[in-house]
Amino acid sequence: MKNLILFFLFFASACVSPQVAINPRADFSKIKRVAVLSFKGNKGEVASDMLSQALLRYGADVIERQRLDDILKEQNLTERNLLDPETTKKIGKLLGVDAIFLGSVIDLKSDSKYIVQTNSTNPQNNISSVSGKNIYMDGSVAGFNDAQILSTTAEVSLSVRLVDIESGSIMWSAYMSYEGFDITSAMSSISNFFVKSLLPIWPQLRQYN
């Protein structure tokens, strides 16, 4: 059963992609170093860490997120200020970056586990859906006949923008919803999809094998 859910998630990952918008006037060749701001919303720091990790994996030069957060606090700035050209230029000089990733956790539903009594003569062999979420068998319960642990997948929706430090313009934006075994794996998968969408347009990145 575990192999079945693994196949399902692999097949699903092959069939999904983020919704992406690209500024046709953006010059990605000048983006050499970037920063990733902590995402808004629940588990926002985890989401920003996953994006930073994915960017590093594909060859991007990413500064430590804490440096950006500290400077924003010192300058008494918010994410909204980062769309102001004068402010972004100032932050760019202080950090030595060319662009900043801003993001939000739009929706988040954690994975869950249940103990259920099953019929040994007619066990569940197919993936079912509970409240729109996929479930899979996660093993038996010691000491209980015909009892199984069922796990549901986690659901995450992320939205990200890449802002040009020089102009304050949005260069690229993306949105994606995804299911994973847990929140972290779902965020990691989305981040990888995001970075892969940047491969054809951002020379700084390289294909990861």
N, C-alpha and C. Protein backbone atom coordinates (compact mmCIF):
# COMPACT_ATOMS: atom_id res chain seq x y z
N MET A 1 0.83 -1.20 0.00
CA MET A 1 0.00 0.00 0.00
C MET A 1 0.86 1.26 0.00
N LYS A 2 1.96 1.19 0.77
CA LYS A 2 2.89 2.33 0.81
C LYS A 2 3.43 2.61 -0.58
N ASN A 3 3.75 1.55 -1.34
CA ASN A 3 4.24 1.73 -2.70
C ASN A 3 3.19 2.39 -3.59
N LEU A 4 1.93 2.06 -3.31
CA LEU A 4 0.84 2.62 -4.12
C LEU A 4 0.73 4.12 -3.91
N ILE A 5 0.81 4.56 -2.66
CA ILE A 5 0.72 6.01 -2.41
C ILE A 5 1.95 6.72 -2.94
N LEU A 6 3.12 6.07 -2.84
CA LEU A 6 4.33 6.67 -3.40
C LEU A 6 4.18 6.85 -4.90
N PHE A 7 3.63 5.83 -5.57
CA PHE A 7 3.40 5.93 -7.01
C PHE A 7 2.43 7.05 -7.31
N PHE A 8 1.36 7.15 -6.49
CA PHE A 8 0.36 8.20 -6.73
C PHE A 8 0.98 9.58 -6.61
N LEU A 9 1.78 9.81 -5.56
CA LEU A 9 2.37 11.13 -5.38
C LEU A 9 3.39 11.42 -6.47
N PHE A 10 4.13 10.39 -6.91
CA PHE A 10 5.07 10.59 -8.00
C PHE A 10 4.32 10.95 -9.28
N PHE A 11 3.24 10.22 -9.55
CA PHE A 11 2.45 10.48 -10.75
C PHE A 11 1.83 11.87 -10.67
N ALA A 12 1.33 12.23 -9.48
CA ALA A 12 0.71 13.55 -9.31
C ALA A 12 1.73 14.65 -9.53
N SER A 13 2.97 14.43 -9.01
CA SER A 13 3.99 15.47 -9.16
C SER A 13 4.37 15.67 -10.62
N ALA A 14 4.22 14.60 -11.41
CA ALA A 14 4.56 14.71 -12.83
C ALA A 14 3.48 15.44 -13.61
N CYS A 15 2.29 15.55 -12.99
CA CYS A 15 1.15 16.11 -13.71
C CYS A 15 0.82 17.53 -13.27
N VAL A 16 1.52 18.05 -12.27
CA VAL A 16 1.19 19.38 -11.76
C VAL A 16 2.34 20.33 -12.02
N SER A 17 2.03 21.60 -12.04
CA SER A 17 3.04 22.64 -12.19
C SER A 17 2.49 23.93 -11.60
N PRO A 18 3.36 24.83 -11.20
CA PRO A 18 2.87 26.09 -10.62
C PRO A 18 2.27 27.00 -11.67
N GLN A 19 1.39 27.88 -11.21
CA GLN A 19 0.88 28.95 -12.06
C GLN A 19 1.91 30.08 -12.01
N VAL A 20 2.49 30.41 -13.14
CA VAL A 20 3.62 31.36 -13.18
C VAL A 20 3.30 32.56 -14.06
N ALA A 21 3.72 33.74 -13.60
CA ALA A 21 3.63 34.96 -14.40
C ALA A 21 5.02 35.59 -14.45
N ILE A 22 5.46 36.00 -15.65
CA ILE A 22 6.80 36.56 -15.84
C ILE A 22 6.68 37.96 -16.44
N ASN A 23 7.41 38.90 -15.85
CA ASN A 23 7.45 40.25 -16.38
C ASN A 23 8.30 40.25 -17.65
N PRO A 24 7.72 40.55 -18.82
CA PRO A 24 8.49 40.48 -20.07
C PRO A 24 9.62 41.50 -20.15
N ARG A 25 9.59 42.51 -19.31
CA ARG A 25 10.64 43.54 -19.31
C ARG A 25 11.75 43.24 -18.31
N ALA A 26 11.60 42.19 -17.54
CA ALA A 26 12.59 41.85 -16.51
C ALA A 26 13.87 41.30 -17.11
N ASP A 27 15.00 41.73 -16.58
CA ASP A 27 16.32 41.26 -17.03
C ASP A 27 16.89 40.33 -15.96
N PHE A 28 16.70 39.03 -16.13
CA PHE A 28 17.15 38.06 -15.14
C PHE A 28 18.67 37.86 -15.17
N SER A 29 19.31 38.28 -16.24
CA SER A 29 20.76 38.08 -16.35
C SER A 29 21.53 38.91 -15.33
N LYS A 30 20.92 39.98 -14.82
CA LYS A 30 21.62 40.84 -13.86
C LYS A 30 21.43 40.37 -12.41
N ILE A 31 20.60 39.36 -12.22
CA ILE A 31 20.35 38.85 -10.87
C ILE A 31 21.44 37.85 -10.49
N LYS A 32 22.36 38.29 -9.66
CA LYS A 32 23.48 37.43 -9.25
C LYS A 32 23.34 36.93 -7.82
N ARG A 33 22.69 37.73 -6.98
CA ARG A 33 22.56 37.36 -5.56
C ARG A 33 21.17 37.74 -5.08
N VAL A 34 20.54 36.84 -4.30
CA VAL A 34 19.17 37.09 -3.86
C VAL A 34 19.02 36.85 -2.36
N ALA A 35 17.92 37.34 -1.83
CA ALA A 35 17.54 37.09 -0.44
C ALA A 35 16.12 36.56 -0.44
N VAL A 36 15.79 35.76 0.56
CA VAL A 36 14.44 35.20 0.71
C VAL A 36 13.87 35.70 2.03
N LEU A 37 12.84 36.51 1.95
CA LEU A 37 12.20 37.04 3.15
C LEU A 37 11.31 35.97 3.77
N SER A 38 11.17 35.97 5.09
CA SER A 38 10.27 35.03 5.75
C SER A 38 8.86 35.17 5.18
N PHE A 39 8.26 34.05 4.82
CA PHE A 39 6.92 34.06 4.24
C PHE A 39 5.90 34.52 5.28
N LYS A 40 4.84 35.15 4.81
CA LYS A 40 3.71 35.47 5.68
C LYS A 40 2.90 34.19 5.91
N GLY A 41 2.22 34.14 7.06
CA GLY A 41 1.32 33.02 7.31
C GLY A 41 1.93 31.94 8.18
N ASN A 42 1.09 30.97 8.53
CA ASN A 42 1.49 29.85 9.37
C ASN A 42 2.61 29.04 8.72
N LYS A 43 3.65 28.72 9.48
CA LYS A 43 4.81 27.97 9.01
C LYS A 43 5.58 28.75 7.94
N GLY A 44 5.49 30.08 7.98
CA GLY A 44 6.15 30.90 6.98
C GLY A 44 7.66 30.75 6.96
N GLU A 45 8.26 30.59 8.12
CA GLU A 45 9.72 30.43 8.17
C GLU A 45 10.15 29.10 7.55
N VAL A 46 9.33 28.07 7.75
CA VAL A 46 9.64 26.77 7.13
C VAL A 46 9.58 26.90 5.61
N ALA A 47 8.55 27.59 5.10
CA ALA A 47 8.39 27.76 3.66
C ALA A 47 9.58 28.52 3.07
N SER A 48 10.02 29.58 3.74
CA SER A 48 11.15 30.36 3.22
C SER A 48 12.44 29.55 3.28
N ASP A 49 12.59 28.71 4.30
CA ASP A 49 13.78 27.84 4.39
C ASP A 49 13.79 26.83 3.25
N MET A 50 12.62 26.27 2.92
CA MET A 50 12.54 25.29 1.84
C MET A 50 12.87 25.94 0.49
N LEU A 51 12.40 27.19 0.29
CA LEU A 51 12.71 27.88 -0.96
C LEU A 51 14.19 28.20 -1.04
N SER A 52 14.77 28.65 0.07
CA SER A 52 16.21 28.95 0.09
C SER A 52 17.02 27.70 -0.23
N GLN A 53 16.61 26.58 0.34
CA GLN A 53 17.31 25.32 0.09
C GLN A 53 17.24 24.93 -1.38
N ALA A 54 16.05 25.07 -1.96
CA ALA A 54 15.88 24.72 -3.37
C ALA A 54 16.72 25.63 -4.26
N LEU A 55 16.74 26.91 -3.96
CA LEU A 55 17.54 27.87 -4.73
C LEU A 55 19.02 27.52 -4.67
N LEU A 56 19.51 27.20 -3.48
CA LEU A 56 20.91 26.83 -3.31
C LEU A 56 21.24 25.57 -4.10
N ARG A 57 20.31 24.63 -4.09
CA ARG A 57 20.52 23.35 -4.79
C ARG A 57 20.71 23.57 -6.30
N TYR A 58 20.04 24.59 -6.81
CA TYR A 58 20.13 24.87 -8.25
C TYR A 58 21.14 25.98 -8.57
N GLY A 59 22.00 26.28 -7.62
CA GLY A 59 23.13 27.15 -7.90
C GLY A 59 22.97 28.62 -7.61
N ALA A 60 21.86 29.04 -7.00
CA ALA A 60 21.66 30.46 -6.70
C ALA A 60 22.53 30.88 -5.52
N ASP A 61 22.92 32.15 -5.52
CA ASP A 61 23.66 32.74 -4.41
C ASP A 61 22.64 33.41 -3.50
N VAL A 62 22.40 32.80 -2.33
CA VAL A 62 21.35 33.26 -1.41
C VAL A 62 21.97 33.69 -0.09
N ILE A 63 21.63 34.89 0.38
CA ILE A 63 22.17 35.34 1.65
C ILE A 63 21.36 34.75 2.80
N GLU A 64 21.91 34.75 3.98
CA GLU A 64 21.23 34.27 5.16
C GLU A 64 19.97 35.09 5.42
N ARG A 65 18.83 34.41 5.58
CA ARG A 65 17.56 35.11 5.74
C ARG A 65 17.54 36.02 6.97
N GLN A 66 18.23 35.62 8.02
CA GLN A 66 18.22 36.41 9.25
C GLN A 66 18.82 37.80 9.03
N ARG A 67 19.79 37.90 8.12
CA ARG A 67 20.38 39.21 7.83
C ARG A 67 19.34 40.16 7.25
N LEU A 68 18.52 39.63 6.34
CA LEU A 68 17.46 40.45 5.74
C LEU A 68 16.44 40.84 6.79
N ASP A 69 16.01 39.89 7.61
CA ASP A 69 15.02 40.18 8.65
C ASP A 69 15.55 41.22 9.63
N ASP A 70 16.82 41.11 10.00
CA ASP A 70 17.41 42.07 10.95
C ASP A 70 17.44 43.48 10.38
N ILE A 71 17.82 43.59 9.10
CA ILE A 71 17.90 44.92 8.49
C ILE A 71 16.51 45.54 8.35
N LEU A 72 15.51 44.73 8.00
CA LEU A 72 14.15 45.25 7.89
C LEU A 72 13.67 45.78 9.24
N LYS A 73 14.02 45.07 10.31
CA LYS A 73 13.63 45.53 11.65
C LYS A 73 14.38 46.80 12.03
N GLU A 74 15.67 46.84 11.72
CA GLU A 74 16.47 48.03 12.04
C GLU A 74 15.96 49.27 11.31
N GLN A 75 15.54 49.07 10.06
CA GLN A 75 15.05 50.18 9.24
C GLN A 75 13.55 50.42 9.43
N ASN A 76 12.92 49.62 10.29
CA ASN A 76 11.48 49.73 10.56
C ASN A 76 10.68 49.62 9.26
N LEU A 77 11.00 48.57 8.48
CA LEU A 77 10.37 48.38 7.18
C LEU A 77 9.48 47.14 7.19
N THR A 78 8.49 47.12 6.30
CA THR A 78 7.62 45.98 6.13
C THR A 78 7.74 45.49 4.69
N GLU A 79 7.07 44.37 4.39
CA GLU A 79 7.10 43.83 3.03
C GLU A 79 6.55 44.85 2.03
N ARG A 80 5.55 45.60 2.44
CA ARG A 80 4.96 46.58 1.53
C ARG A 80 5.99 47.63 1.10
N ASN A 81 6.88 48.00 2.03
CA ASN A 81 7.92 48.99 1.70
C ASN A 81 8.86 48.49 0.61
N LEU A 82 8.98 47.17 0.49
CA LEU A 82 9.93 46.60 -0.46
C LEU A 82 9.48 46.76 -1.90
N LEU A 83 8.26 47.21 -2.12
CA LEU A 83 7.81 47.50 -3.48
C LEU A 83 8.04 48.96 -3.85
N ASP A 84 8.60 49.71 -2.93
CA ASP A 84 8.96 51.10 -3.20
C ASP A 84 10.39 51.13 -3.76
N PRO A 85 10.61 51.68 -4.96
CA PRO A 85 11.94 51.64 -5.59
C PRO A 85 13.06 52.20 -4.73
N GLU A 86 12.83 53.32 -4.05
CA GLU A 86 13.89 53.92 -3.23
C GLU A 86 14.26 53.00 -2.06
N THR A 87 13.24 52.39 -1.48
CA THR A 87 13.50 51.49 -0.35
C THR A 87 14.24 50.25 -0.80
N THR A 88 13.82 49.67 -1.91
CA THR A 88 14.48 48.45 -2.39
C THR A 88 15.94 48.71 -2.75
N LYS A 89 16.22 49.87 -3.33
CA LYS A 89 17.61 50.22 -3.65
C LYS A 89 18.45 50.30 -2.38
N LYS A 90 17.86 50.89 -1.35
CA LYS A 90 18.58 51.04 -0.07
C LYS A 90 18.88 49.67 0.53
N ILE A 91 17.86 48.78 0.53
CA ILE A 91 18.03 47.44 1.07
C ILE A 91 19.05 46.66 0.24
N GLY A 92 18.99 46.86 -1.07
CA GLY A 92 19.93 46.17 -1.95
C GLY A 92 21.37 46.52 -1.66
N LYS A 93 21.63 47.79 -1.39
CA LYS A 93 22.99 48.24 -1.07
C LYS A 93 23.44 47.70 0.28
N LEU A 94 22.52 47.68 1.24
CA LEU A 94 22.88 47.20 2.57
C LEU A 94 23.18 45.70 2.57
N LEU A 95 22.46 44.95 1.76
CA LEU A 95 22.60 43.50 1.74
C LEU A 95 23.50 42.98 0.62
N GLY A 96 23.70 43.79 -0.41
CA GLY A 96 24.48 43.33 -1.55
C GLY A 96 23.72 42.32 -2.39
N VAL A 97 22.39 42.52 -2.51
CA VAL A 97 21.58 41.59 -3.31
C VAL A 97 20.95 42.34 -4.48
N ASP A 98 20.55 41.59 -5.49
CA ASP A 98 19.94 42.16 -6.70
C ASP A 98 18.43 41.99 -6.72
N ALA A 99 17.92 41.02 -5.96
CA ALA A 99 16.48 40.76 -5.93
C ALA A 99 16.10 40.06 -4.64
N ILE A 100 14.82 40.16 -4.29
CA ILE A 100 14.31 39.56 -3.06
C ILE A 100 13.08 38.72 -3.37
N PHE A 101 13.03 37.53 -2.79
CA PHE A 101 11.85 36.68 -2.88
C PHE A 101 10.92 36.98 -1.69
N LEU A 102 9.66 37.28 -2.00
CA LEU A 102 8.63 37.48 -0.98
C LEU A 102 7.59 36.40 -1.15
N GLY A 103 7.06 35.86 -0.06
CA GLY A 103 6.10 34.78 -0.20
C GLY A 103 5.05 34.76 0.89
N SER A 104 4.00 33.96 0.64
CA SER A 104 2.91 33.80 1.61
C SER A 104 2.47 32.34 1.62
N VAL A 105 2.14 31.86 2.82
CA VAL A 105 1.49 30.56 2.95
C VAL A 105 -0.01 30.83 2.86
N ILE A 106 -0.60 30.51 1.73
CA ILE A 106 -2.01 30.82 1.48
C ILE A 106 -2.93 29.87 2.22
N ASP A 107 -2.59 28.58 2.20
CA ASP A 107 -3.44 27.58 2.85
C ASP A 107 -2.56 26.46 3.35
N LEU A 108 -2.97 25.86 4.47
CA LEU A 108 -2.16 24.80 5.06
C LEU A 108 -3.06 23.86 5.84
N LYS A 109 -3.02 22.58 5.50
CA LYS A 109 -3.76 21.55 6.23
C LYS A 109 -2.79 20.44 6.58
N SER A 110 -2.62 20.20 7.86
CA SER A 110 -1.64 19.22 8.32
C SER A 110 -2.07 17.79 8.00
N ASP A 111 -1.08 16.90 7.97
CA ASP A 111 -1.38 15.49 7.84
C ASP A 111 -1.97 14.98 9.15
N SER A 112 -2.75 13.92 9.10
CA SER A 112 -3.40 13.36 10.28
C SER A 112 -3.26 11.85 10.28
N LYS A 113 -3.37 11.26 11.47
CA LYS A 113 -3.32 9.81 11.60
C LYS A 113 -4.55 9.32 12.36
N TYR A 114 -5.07 8.16 11.94
CA TYR A 114 -6.25 7.57 12.56
C TYR A 114 -6.02 6.08 12.78
N ILE A 115 -6.60 5.54 13.84
CA ILE A 115 -6.62 4.09 14.04
C ILE A 115 -8.02 3.62 13.68
N VAL A 116 -8.10 2.68 12.73
CA VAL A 116 -9.40 2.21 12.27
C VAL A 116 -9.44 0.69 12.31
N GLN A 117 -10.64 0.16 12.49
CA GLN A 117 -10.85 -1.29 12.45
C GLN A 117 -11.17 -1.67 11.01
N THR A 118 -10.45 -2.64 10.48
CA THR A 118 -10.65 -3.05 9.09
C THR A 118 -11.17 -4.48 9.02
N ASN A 119 -11.73 -4.81 7.91
CA ASN A 119 -12.23 -6.16 7.66
C ASN A 119 -11.12 -6.96 6.99
N SER A 120 -10.62 -7.96 7.67
CA SER A 120 -9.46 -8.71 7.17
C SER A 120 -9.78 -9.45 5.87
N THR A 121 -11.06 -9.76 5.65
CA THR A 121 -11.43 -10.47 4.43
C THR A 121 -11.63 -9.53 3.25
N ASN A 122 -11.68 -8.24 3.52
CA ASN A 122 -11.87 -7.26 2.45
C ASN A 122 -11.08 -6.00 2.77
N PRO A 123 -9.76 -6.11 2.85
CA PRO A 123 -8.93 -4.96 3.23
C PRO A 123 -8.99 -3.86 2.18
N GLN A 124 -8.69 -2.63 2.63
CA GLN A 124 -8.67 -1.50 1.70
C GLN A 124 -7.40 -1.58 0.86
N ASN A 125 -7.56 -1.68 -0.44
CA ASN A 125 -6.41 -1.82 -1.33
C ASN A 125 -6.24 -0.62 -2.26
N ASN A 126 -7.12 0.33 -2.16
CA ASN A 126 -7.05 1.49 -3.05
C ASN A 126 -7.00 2.77 -2.25
N ILE A 127 -6.43 3.80 -2.85
CA ILE A 127 -6.40 5.11 -2.23
C ILE A 127 -7.81 5.68 -2.23
N SER A 128 -8.24 6.17 -1.10
CA SER A 128 -9.54 6.79 -0.99
C SER A 128 -9.37 8.28 -0.70
N SER A 129 -10.46 9.01 -0.67
CA SER A 129 -10.41 10.44 -0.40
C SER A 129 -11.30 10.77 0.79
N VAL A 130 -10.78 11.50 1.74
CA VAL A 130 -11.54 11.94 2.90
C VAL A 130 -11.45 13.45 2.95
N SER A 131 -12.58 14.14 2.79
CA SER A 131 -12.62 15.60 2.77
C SER A 131 -11.63 16.16 1.75
N GLY A 132 -11.53 15.49 0.61
CA GLY A 132 -10.67 15.98 -0.45
C GLY A 132 -9.20 15.64 -0.29
N LYS A 133 -8.85 14.87 0.77
CA LYS A 133 -7.46 14.53 1.02
C LYS A 133 -7.23 13.04 0.78
N ASN A 134 -6.08 12.69 0.25
CA ASN A 134 -5.75 11.29 0.02
C ASN A 134 -5.35 10.62 1.33
N ILE A 135 -5.66 9.35 1.46
CA ILE A 135 -5.28 8.59 2.65
C ILE A 135 -4.53 7.33 2.22
N TYR A 136 -3.73 6.80 3.12
CA TYR A 136 -3.01 5.56 2.84
C TYR A 136 -2.76 4.82 4.14
N MET A 137 -2.58 3.51 4.05
CA MET A 137 -2.32 2.69 5.22
C MET A 137 -0.89 2.89 5.68
N ASP A 138 -0.74 3.02 7.00
CA ASP A 138 0.57 3.33 7.56
C ASP A 138 1.05 2.23 8.51
N GLY A 139 0.42 1.05 8.44
CA GLY A 139 0.86 -0.07 9.27
C GLY A 139 -0.24 -0.55 10.20
N SER A 140 0.02 -1.67 10.86
CA SER A 140 -0.94 -2.26 11.78
C SER A 140 -0.70 -1.77 13.20
N VAL A 141 -1.67 -2.04 14.08
CA VAL A 141 -1.57 -1.63 15.48
C VAL A 141 -1.30 -2.87 16.33
N ALA A 142 -0.18 -2.88 17.03
CA ALA A 142 0.20 -4.04 17.83
C ALA A 142 -0.86 -4.32 18.91
N GLY A 143 -1.26 -5.59 19.01
CA GLY A 143 -2.20 -5.98 20.04
C GLY A 143 -3.65 -5.85 19.65
N PHE A 144 -3.92 -5.32 18.44
CA PHE A 144 -5.30 -5.15 17.99
C PHE A 144 -5.49 -5.89 16.67
N ASN A 145 -6.44 -6.81 16.66
CA ASN A 145 -6.72 -7.54 15.42
C ASN A 145 -7.43 -6.65 14.41
N ASP A 146 -7.01 -6.75 13.17
CA ASP A 146 -7.64 -6.03 12.06
C ASP A 146 -7.66 -4.51 12.26
N ALA A 147 -6.72 -3.98 13.04
CA ALA A 147 -6.65 -2.52 13.22
C ALA A 147 -5.50 -1.97 12.38
N GLN A 148 -5.73 -0.86 11.75
CA GLN A 148 -4.73 -0.22 10.90
C GLN A 148 -4.60 1.25 11.26
N ILE A 149 -3.40 1.77 11.04
CA ILE A 149 -3.18 3.21 11.16
C ILE A 149 -3.32 3.81 9.78
N LEU A 150 -4.23 4.75 9.61
CA LEU A 150 -4.39 5.46 8.35
C LEU A 150 -3.83 6.87 8.48
N SER A 151 -3.12 7.31 7.47
CA SER A 151 -2.56 8.67 7.45
C SER A 151 -3.14 9.44 6.27
N THR A 152 -3.42 10.71 6.49
CA THR A 152 -3.85 11.57 5.40
C THR A 152 -2.69 12.48 5.01
N THR A 153 -2.67 12.88 3.77
CA THR A 153 -1.61 13.77 3.29
C THR A 153 -1.82 15.18 3.81
N ALA A 154 -0.74 15.95 3.82
CA ALA A 154 -0.81 17.38 4.15
C ALA A 154 -1.04 18.17 2.87
N GLU A 155 -1.75 19.29 2.97
CA GLU A 155 -2.00 20.14 1.82
C GLU A 155 -1.42 21.53 2.08
N VAL A 156 -0.69 22.04 1.11
CA VAL A 156 -0.06 23.36 1.25
C VAL A 156 -0.26 24.17 -0.03
N SER A 157 -0.53 25.45 0.12
CA SER A 157 -0.60 26.38 -1.02
C SER A 157 0.34 27.55 -0.74
N LEU A 158 1.26 27.79 -1.67
CA LEU A 158 2.24 28.87 -1.51
C LEU A 158 2.17 29.85 -2.68
N SER A 159 2.43 31.11 -2.38
CA SER A 159 2.52 32.16 -3.39
C SER A 159 3.84 32.90 -3.20
N VAL A 160 4.58 33.14 -4.30
CA VAL A 160 5.91 33.74 -4.22
C VAL A 160 6.08 34.81 -5.30
N ARG A 161 6.83 35.87 -4.98
CA ARG A 161 7.18 36.91 -5.94
C ARG A 161 8.67 37.18 -5.87
N LEU A 162 9.27 37.49 -7.00
CA LEU A 162 10.67 37.92 -7.06
C LEU A 162 10.68 39.40 -7.43
N VAL A 163 11.22 40.22 -6.53
CA VAL A 163 11.20 41.67 -6.71
C VAL A 163 12.58 42.20 -7.06
N ASP A 164 12.67 42.98 -8.12
CA ASP A 164 13.91 43.60 -8.56
C ASP A 164 14.28 44.73 -7.60
N ILE A 165 15.47 44.64 -7.02
CA ILE A 165 15.92 45.66 -6.07
C ILE A 165 16.05 47.03 -6.72
N GLU A 166 16.53 47.07 -7.94
CA GLU A 166 16.79 48.34 -8.63
C GLU A 166 15.51 49.12 -8.91
N SER A 167 14.47 48.45 -9.36
CA SER A 167 13.24 49.14 -9.78
C SER A 167 12.06 48.93 -8.84
N GLY A 168 12.11 47.90 -8.01
CA GLY A 168 10.97 47.57 -7.16
C GLY A 168 9.89 46.82 -7.90
N SER A 169 10.15 46.46 -9.16
CA SER A 169 9.16 45.76 -9.98
C SER A 169 9.16 44.26 -9.68
N ILE A 170 7.99 43.65 -9.83
CA ILE A 170 7.89 42.20 -9.70
C ILE A 170 8.37 41.57 -11.00
N MET A 171 9.40 40.73 -10.91
CA MET A 171 9.98 40.10 -12.08
C MET A 171 9.28 38.79 -12.44
N TRP A 172 8.86 38.09 -11.39
CA TRP A 172 8.30 36.74 -11.56
C TRP A 172 7.41 36.46 -10.37
N SER A 173 6.31 35.78 -10.59
CA SER A 173 5.46 35.36 -9.48
C SER A 173 4.92 33.97 -9.78
N ALA A 174 4.61 33.23 -8.71
CA ALA A 174 4.12 31.86 -8.90
C ALA A 174 3.22 31.47 -7.73
N TYR A 175 2.29 30.57 -8.05
CA TYR A 175 1.37 30.04 -7.03
C TYR A 175 1.23 28.54 -7.28
N MET A 176 1.14 27.79 -6.18
CA MET A 176 0.97 26.35 -6.34
C MET A 176 0.38 25.72 -5.08
N SER A 177 -0.50 24.74 -5.28
CA SER A 177 -1.02 23.90 -4.20
C SER A 177 -0.48 22.49 -4.40
N TYR A 178 -0.19 21.81 -3.31
CA TYR A 178 0.43 20.49 -3.43
C TYR A 178 0.12 19.66 -2.19
N GLU A 179 0.06 18.33 -2.36
CA GLU A 179 -0.11 17.39 -1.25
C GLU A 179 1.18 16.62 -1.02
N GLY A 180 1.55 16.46 0.24
CA GLY A 180 2.73 15.68 0.58
C GLY A 180 2.48 14.87 1.83
N PHE A 181 3.43 14.03 2.22
CA PHE A 181 3.26 13.22 3.41
C PHE A 181 3.17 14.08 4.67
N ASP A 182 3.85 15.24 4.65
CA ASP A 182 3.74 16.20 5.75
C ASP A 182 3.94 17.59 5.20
N ILE A 183 3.82 18.60 6.06
CA ILE A 183 3.89 20.00 5.62
C ILE A 183 5.26 20.32 5.02
N THR A 184 6.32 19.87 5.68
CA THR A 184 7.66 20.20 5.21
C THR A 184 7.93 19.62 3.83
N SER A 185 7.55 18.35 3.62
CA SER A 185 7.80 17.73 2.31
C SER A 185 6.96 18.40 1.22
N ALA A 186 5.74 18.80 1.56
CA ALA A 186 4.90 19.49 0.57
C ALA A 186 5.52 20.83 0.19
N MET A 187 5.99 21.58 1.19
CA MET A 187 6.63 22.88 0.93
C MET A 187 7.92 22.70 0.12
N SER A 188 8.66 21.65 0.43
CA SER A 188 9.89 21.38 -0.30
C SER A 188 9.60 21.07 -1.76
N SER A 189 8.56 20.28 -2.01
CA SER A 189 8.19 19.94 -3.39
C SER A 189 7.76 21.18 -4.17
N ILE A 190 6.94 22.02 -3.54
CA ILE A 190 6.50 23.25 -4.21
C ILE A 190 7.70 24.13 -4.53
N SER A 191 8.62 24.27 -3.58
CA SER A 191 9.80 25.10 -3.80
C SER A 191 10.62 24.62 -4.98
N ASN A 192 10.75 23.31 -5.11
CA ASN A 192 11.49 22.76 -6.24
C ASN A 192 10.78 23.05 -7.57
N PHE A 193 9.46 22.95 -7.58
CA PHE A 193 8.70 23.30 -8.77
C PHE A 193 8.89 24.78 -9.12
N PHE A 194 8.89 25.63 -8.10
CA PHE A 194 9.08 27.07 -8.33
C PHE A 194 10.43 27.33 -8.99
N VAL A 195 11.48 26.75 -8.41
CA VAL A 195 12.84 27.01 -8.93
C VAL A 195 12.99 26.44 -10.33
N LYS A 196 12.41 25.28 -10.58
CA LYS A 196 12.48 24.69 -11.93
C LYS A 196 11.83 25.60 -12.97
N SER A 197 10.78 26.33 -12.56
CA SER A 197 10.13 27.25 -13.50
C SER A 197 11.03 28.44 -13.84
N LEU A 198 12.03 28.69 -12.99
CA LEU A 198 12.97 29.79 -13.22
C LEU A 198 14.17 29.38 -14.07
N LEU A 199 14.40 28.08 -14.21
CA LEU A 199 15.57 27.60 -14.94
C LEU A 199 15.69 28.17 -16.36
N PRO A 200 14.61 28.22 -17.14
CA PRO A 200 14.75 28.69 -18.52
C PRO A 200 15.00 30.20 -18.64
N ILE A 201 14.74 30.95 -17.58
CA ILE A 201 14.81 32.42 -17.69
C ILE A 201 15.89 33.06 -16.82
N TRP A 202 16.47 32.31 -15.89
CA TRP A 202 17.47 32.88 -14.97
C TRP A 202 18.81 32.17 -15.19
N PRO A 203 19.73 32.82 -15.88
CA PRO A 203 21.03 32.19 -16.22
C PRO A 203 21.84 31.75 -15.02
N GLN A 204 21.61 32.36 -13.86
CA GLN A 204 22.37 32.03 -12.66
C GLN A 204 22.14 30.58 -12.22
N LEU A 205 20.97 30.05 -12.56
CA LEU A 205 20.63 28.69 -12.13
C LEU A 205 21.17 27.64 -13.07
N ARG A 206 21.35 26.44 -12.55
CA ARG A 206 21.81 25.32 -13.37
C ARG A 206 20.93 24.12 -13.08
N GLN A 207 20.82 23.24 -14.04
CA GLN A 207 20.02 22.02 -13.86
C GLN A 207 20.65 21.15 -12.82
N TYR A 208 19.84 20.66 -11.89
CA TYR A 208 20.34 19.82 -10.80
C TYR A 208 20.02 18.36 -11.11
N ASN A 209 21.00 17.49 -10.95
CA ASN A 209 20.81 16.06 -11.20
C ASN A 209 20.90 15.29 -9.89
